[in-house]
Amino acid sequence: MFRNNRDLRENENRLHARGFLTPFQAGPSPWFRRKKFYTNLLRRSAAECLASALLMFVSLSASSAFCTVDEDVRVPTPVMVGLAEGLAYAGLMAATAHISGGHLNPAVSLGILISGHLNVLAALFYIIAQFIGSILGAAAVLAYEFDVPHSFGNGSSNSCIPINTAVTSLSKGVNQSQGILVETMLSLLLVMVFIHMTVEETEFKSIAPLVIGLTLAAAVISRSVVL
């Protein structure tokens, strides 16, 4: 595969510059002295931030109660929310996979870090970018959902506003420990599928975004029993 040690070192440098090698796996040149590493890291973090903002926007929009022209409050079903989140995740992952890997989730970034396929600094930047993007996406939802009065296609308007902007609360009879357990198990499900579909060598990598998106959709739908 590599003709000599020089080719091997050059390949290691390319992988590490993109954040796919830890400092312990890097070549002889110290990773913190590589300007290209920081340039690529900022570009990848920006991709994670933007994609996380869009994902959060879709997720909160789909899971918020909304008002009809007759001022009736409609609450989305778990299937609607799950499909919206899953398909949005699949699309955004496909769009950013060649830039940042398409994590879009701190649990995924942490899992990739633990598996040894992402260095600590890149994981830290990813997680911060994901949090910032999620906050921006949530702020965008609040900005348009509470802009009253709402106007409709027939020219009428009313002051009905969403009464539930994707508020996360436990179902009756479910305590916090049970809620944490469910969230942990579903996060492990997503991380496991993500790692095996993207990091491990498999012939199904071309459909990884779709498989991971459907996995997230299944997790969101099953979570509705508790949340």
Protein backbone atom coordinates (compact mmCIF):
# COMPACT_ATOMS: atom_id res chain seq x y z
CA MET A 1 0.00 0.00 0.00
CA PHE A 2 2.83 2.37 0.90
CA ARG A 3 6.08 2.15 -1.02
CA ASN A 4 8.32 3.39 1.77
CA ASN A 5 8.35 5.02 5.18
CA ARG A 6 8.12 8.47 3.66
CA ASP A 7 4.80 7.62 2.01
CA LEU A 8 3.58 6.21 5.31
CA ARG A 9 4.53 9.37 7.22
CA GLU A 10 2.87 11.58 4.60
CA ASN A 11 -0.31 9.57 4.89
CA GLU A 12 -0.23 9.83 8.70
CA ASN A 13 0.26 13.59 8.43
CA ARG A 14 -2.74 13.93 6.14
CA LEU A 15 -4.96 11.89 8.45
CA HIS A 16 -3.80 13.71 11.57
CA ALA A 17 -4.27 17.11 9.95
CA ARG A 18 -7.90 16.17 9.41
CA GLY A 19 -8.24 15.02 13.02
CA PHE A 20 -8.52 11.30 12.34
CA LEU A 21 -5.38 10.39 14.29
CA THR A 22 -4.61 11.03 17.93
CA PRO A 23 -1.38 12.80 18.93
CA PHE A 24 0.01 9.41 19.96
CA GLN A 25 -0.54 8.05 16.44
CA ALA A 26 0.91 11.06 14.67
CA GLY A 27 4.18 11.17 12.77
CA PRO A 28 7.46 12.67 13.99
CA SER A 29 6.33 16.29 13.58
CA PRO A 30 4.46 17.54 16.70
CA TRP A 31 0.77 17.92 15.96
CA PHE A 32 0.51 21.27 17.71
CA ARG A 33 3.04 22.80 15.30
CA ARG A 34 1.00 22.05 12.22
CA LYS A 35 -0.84 25.13 11.00
CA LYS A 36 -2.94 23.08 8.60
CA PHE A 37 -4.34 21.11 11.53
CA TYR A 38 -5.84 24.23 13.10
CA THR A 39 -7.12 25.54 9.77
CA ASN A 40 -8.90 22.29 9.03
CA LEU A 41 -10.14 22.05 12.62
CA LEU A 42 -11.84 25.44 12.42
CA ARG A 43 -13.42 24.54 9.08
CA ARG A 44 -14.70 21.23 10.42
CA SER A 45 -15.98 22.86 13.61
CA ALA A 46 -17.85 25.45 11.57
CA ALA A 47 -19.51 22.65 9.59
CA GLU A 48 -20.55 20.94 12.83
CA CYS A 49 -21.91 24.20 14.23
CA LEU A 50 -23.99 25.01 11.15
CA ALA A 51 -25.31 21.47 10.76
CA SER A 52 -26.17 21.27 14.48
CA ALA A 53 -28.09 24.54 14.23
CA LEU A 54 -30.11 23.28 11.27
CA LEU A 55 -30.77 19.94 12.95
CA MET A 56 -31.95 21.63 16.14
CA PHE A 57 -34.16 23.98 14.11
CA VAL A 58 -35.87 21.07 12.37
CA SER A 59 -36.10 19.01 15.56
CA LEU A 60 -37.70 21.73 17.67
CA SER A 61 -39.97 22.88 14.87
CA ALA A 62 -41.25 19.35 14.34
CA SER A 63 -41.79 18.66 18.03
CA SER A 64 -43.53 21.92 18.93
CA ALA A 65 -47.27 22.21 19.35
CA PHE A 66 -48.73 24.57 16.78
CA CYS A 67 -51.96 26.40 16.00
CA THR A 68 -54.24 26.05 13.01
CA VAL A 69 -56.24 28.75 11.27
CA ASP A 70 -59.17 27.84 13.53
CA GLU A 71 -57.00 28.41 16.61
CA ASP A 72 -56.91 24.70 17.40
CA VAL A 73 -53.75 23.43 19.02
CA ARG A 74 -52.20 20.48 17.22
CA VAL A 75 -49.59 18.31 18.90
CA PRO A 76 -47.19 16.37 16.62
CA THR A 77 -47.07 12.59 16.99
CA PRO A 78 -43.85 10.74 17.97
CA VAL A 79 -43.65 9.29 14.45
CA MET A 80 -43.74 12.77 12.92
CA VAL A 81 -41.01 14.01 15.25
CA GLY A 82 -38.86 10.90 14.80
CA LEU A 83 -39.00 10.98 11.01
CA ALA A 84 -38.28 14.72 10.93
CA GLU A 85 -35.22 14.37 13.15
CA GLY A 86 -33.98 11.20 11.50
CA LEU A 87 -34.29 12.41 7.92
CA ALA A 88 -32.76 15.79 8.81
CA TYR A 89 -29.85 14.03 10.50
CA ALA A 90 -29.34 11.79 7.47
CA GLY A 91 -29.31 14.72 5.06
CA LEU A 92 -27.01 16.88 7.15
CA MET A 93 -24.64 14.00 7.82
CA ALA A 94 -24.40 13.28 4.10
CA ALA A 95 -23.66 16.96 3.48
CA THR A 96 -20.94 17.28 6.13
CA ALA A 97 -19.41 13.79 6.27
CA HIS A 98 -16.58 14.72 3.89
CA ILE A 99 -15.76 17.79 5.99
CA SER A 100 -16.14 16.84 9.64
CA GLY A 101 -17.51 13.32 9.64
CA GLY A 102 -21.06 14.51 10.27
CA HIS A 103 -21.20 13.87 14.02
CA LEU A 104 -23.80 16.55 14.93
CA ASN A 105 -24.05 15.09 18.42
CA PRO A 106 -21.71 15.34 21.45
CA ALA A 107 -22.34 11.68 22.29
CA VAL A 108 -21.16 10.65 18.83
CA SER A 109 -18.03 12.81 19.06
CA LEU A 110 -17.27 11.37 22.50
CA GLY A 111 -17.74 7.85 21.20
CA ILE A 112 -15.41 8.47 18.24
CA LEU A 113 -12.86 9.92 20.68
CA ILE A 114 -13.04 6.89 22.95
CA SER A 115 -12.69 4.56 19.97
CA GLY A 116 -9.38 6.26 19.14
CA HIS A 117 -10.40 7.78 15.80
CA LEU A 118 -10.52 11.42 16.90
CA ASN A 119 -7.99 13.43 18.89
CA VAL A 120 -8.90 15.21 22.11
CA LEU A 121 -8.59 18.76 20.77
CA ALA A 122 -10.78 18.03 17.75
CA ALA A 123 -13.40 16.37 19.96
CA LEU A 124 -13.43 19.40 22.28
CA PHE A 125 -13.88 21.80 19.35
CA TYR A 126 -16.61 19.59 17.88
CA ILE A 127 -18.61 19.45 21.11
CA ILE A 128 -18.36 23.20 21.71
CA ALA A 129 -19.41 23.87 18.11
CA GLN A 130 -22.36 21.50 18.45
CA PHE A 131 -23.55 23.22 21.61
CA ILE A 132 -23.26 26.66 20.02
CA GLY A 133 -25.06 25.51 16.90
CA SER A 134 -27.85 23.92 18.93
CA ILE A 135 -28.36 27.14 20.89
CA LEU A 136 -28.56 29.15 17.67
CA GLY A 137 -31.03 26.69 16.16
CA ALA A 138 -33.23 26.82 19.26
CA ALA A 139 -33.09 30.62 19.27
CA ALA A 140 -34.24 30.68 15.65
CA VAL A 141 -37.26 28.52 16.54
CA LEU A 142 -38.22 30.82 19.40
CA ALA A 143 -37.81 33.84 17.15
CA TYR A 144 -40.37 32.69 14.61
CA GLU A 145 -42.76 30.70 16.83
CA PHE A 146 -43.47 33.57 19.16
CA ASP A 147 -43.84 36.17 16.45
CA VAL A 148 -47.53 37.02 16.82
CA PRO A 149 -50.05 37.48 15.36
CA HIS A 150 -49.72 34.57 12.92
CA SER A 151 -50.88 35.13 9.37
CA PHE A 152 -52.44 32.43 7.21
CA GLY A 153 -52.84 31.91 3.49
CA ASN A 154 -56.44 33.10 3.42
CA GLY A 155 -55.46 36.49 4.79
CA SER A 156 -56.76 35.92 8.30
CA SER A 157 -54.67 36.07 11.43
CA ASN A 158 -54.92 35.31 15.11
CA SER A 159 -52.85 35.49 18.25
CA CYS A 160 -52.61 31.77 18.88
CA ILE A 161 -49.02 30.86 19.76
CA PRO A 162 -47.41 27.47 20.45
CA ILE A 163 -48.07 26.33 23.98
CA ASN A 164 -45.32 23.73 23.96
CA THR A 165 -42.07 24.62 22.21
CA ALA A 166 -40.50 21.17 22.38
CA VAL A 167 -40.46 21.11 26.17
CA THR A 168 -38.76 17.94 27.42
CA SER A 169 -40.44 16.49 30.49
CA LEU A 170 -40.78 13.02 31.96
CA SER A 171 -44.02 11.10 31.62
CA LYS A 172 -46.17 10.55 34.67
CA GLY A 173 -44.74 7.80 36.87
CA VAL A 174 -41.23 8.03 35.37
CA ASN A 175 -38.47 9.28 37.67
CA GLN A 176 -35.23 11.01 36.71
CA SER A 177 -33.09 7.87 37.06
CA GLN A 178 -35.30 6.00 34.63
CA GLY A 179 -35.21 8.90 32.21
CA ILE A 180 -31.41 9.05 32.35
CA LEU A 181 -31.22 5.28 31.78
CA VAL A 182 -33.41 5.48 28.68
CA GLU A 183 -31.44 8.41 27.25
CA THR A 184 -28.16 6.59 27.92
CA MET A 185 -29.29 3.40 26.20
CA LEU A 186 -30.60 5.26 23.15
CA SER A 187 -27.40 7.32 22.95
CA LEU A 188 -25.36 4.11 23.03
CA LEU A 189 -27.52 2.76 20.21
CA LEU A 190 -26.82 5.80 18.06
CA VAL A 191 -23.09 5.83 18.82
CA MET A 192 -22.69 2.11 18.16
CA VAL A 193 -24.42 2.31 14.79
CA PHE A 194 -22.48 5.45 13.86
CA ILE A 195 -19.09 3.92 14.65
CA HIS A 196 -19.76 0.64 12.89
CA MET A 197 -21.17 2.36 9.81
CA THR A 198 -18.48 5.04 9.43
CA VAL A 199 -15.28 4.05 11.22
CA GLU A 200 -15.21 0.30 10.77
CA GLU A 201 -14.53 -1.16 7.35
CA THR A 202 -17.88 -2.13 5.87
CA GLU A 203 -19.40 -2.41 2.43
CA PHE A 204 -22.43 -0.41 3.52
CA LYS A 205 -20.69 2.95 4.09
CA SER A 206 -22.49 4.49 1.12
CA ILE A 207 -25.82 4.20 2.92
CA ALA A 208 -24.43 5.17 6.35
CA PRO A 209 -26.31 8.51 6.59
CA LEU A 210 -29.64 6.82 5.85
CA VAL A 211 -29.05 3.97 8.31
CA ILE A 212 -27.90 6.34 11.06
CA GLY A 213 -30.80 8.70 10.39
CA LEU A 214 -33.33 5.87 10.65
CA THR A 215 -31.64 4.72 13.86
CA LEU A 216 -32.09 8.19 15.33
CA ALA A 217 -35.72 8.20 14.19
CA ALA A 218 -36.31 4.87 15.93
CA ALA A 219 -34.66 6.20 19.10
CA VAL A 220 -36.81 9.34 19.12
CA ILE A 221 -40.01 7.36 18.58
CA SER A 222 -39.19 4.83 21.31
CA ARG A 223 -38.18 7.63 23.67
CA SER A 224 -41.72 9.03 23.49
CA VAL A 225 -42.83 6.35 25.94
CA VAL A 226 -40.73 8.00 28.65
CA LEU A 227 -40.54 11.66 27.61
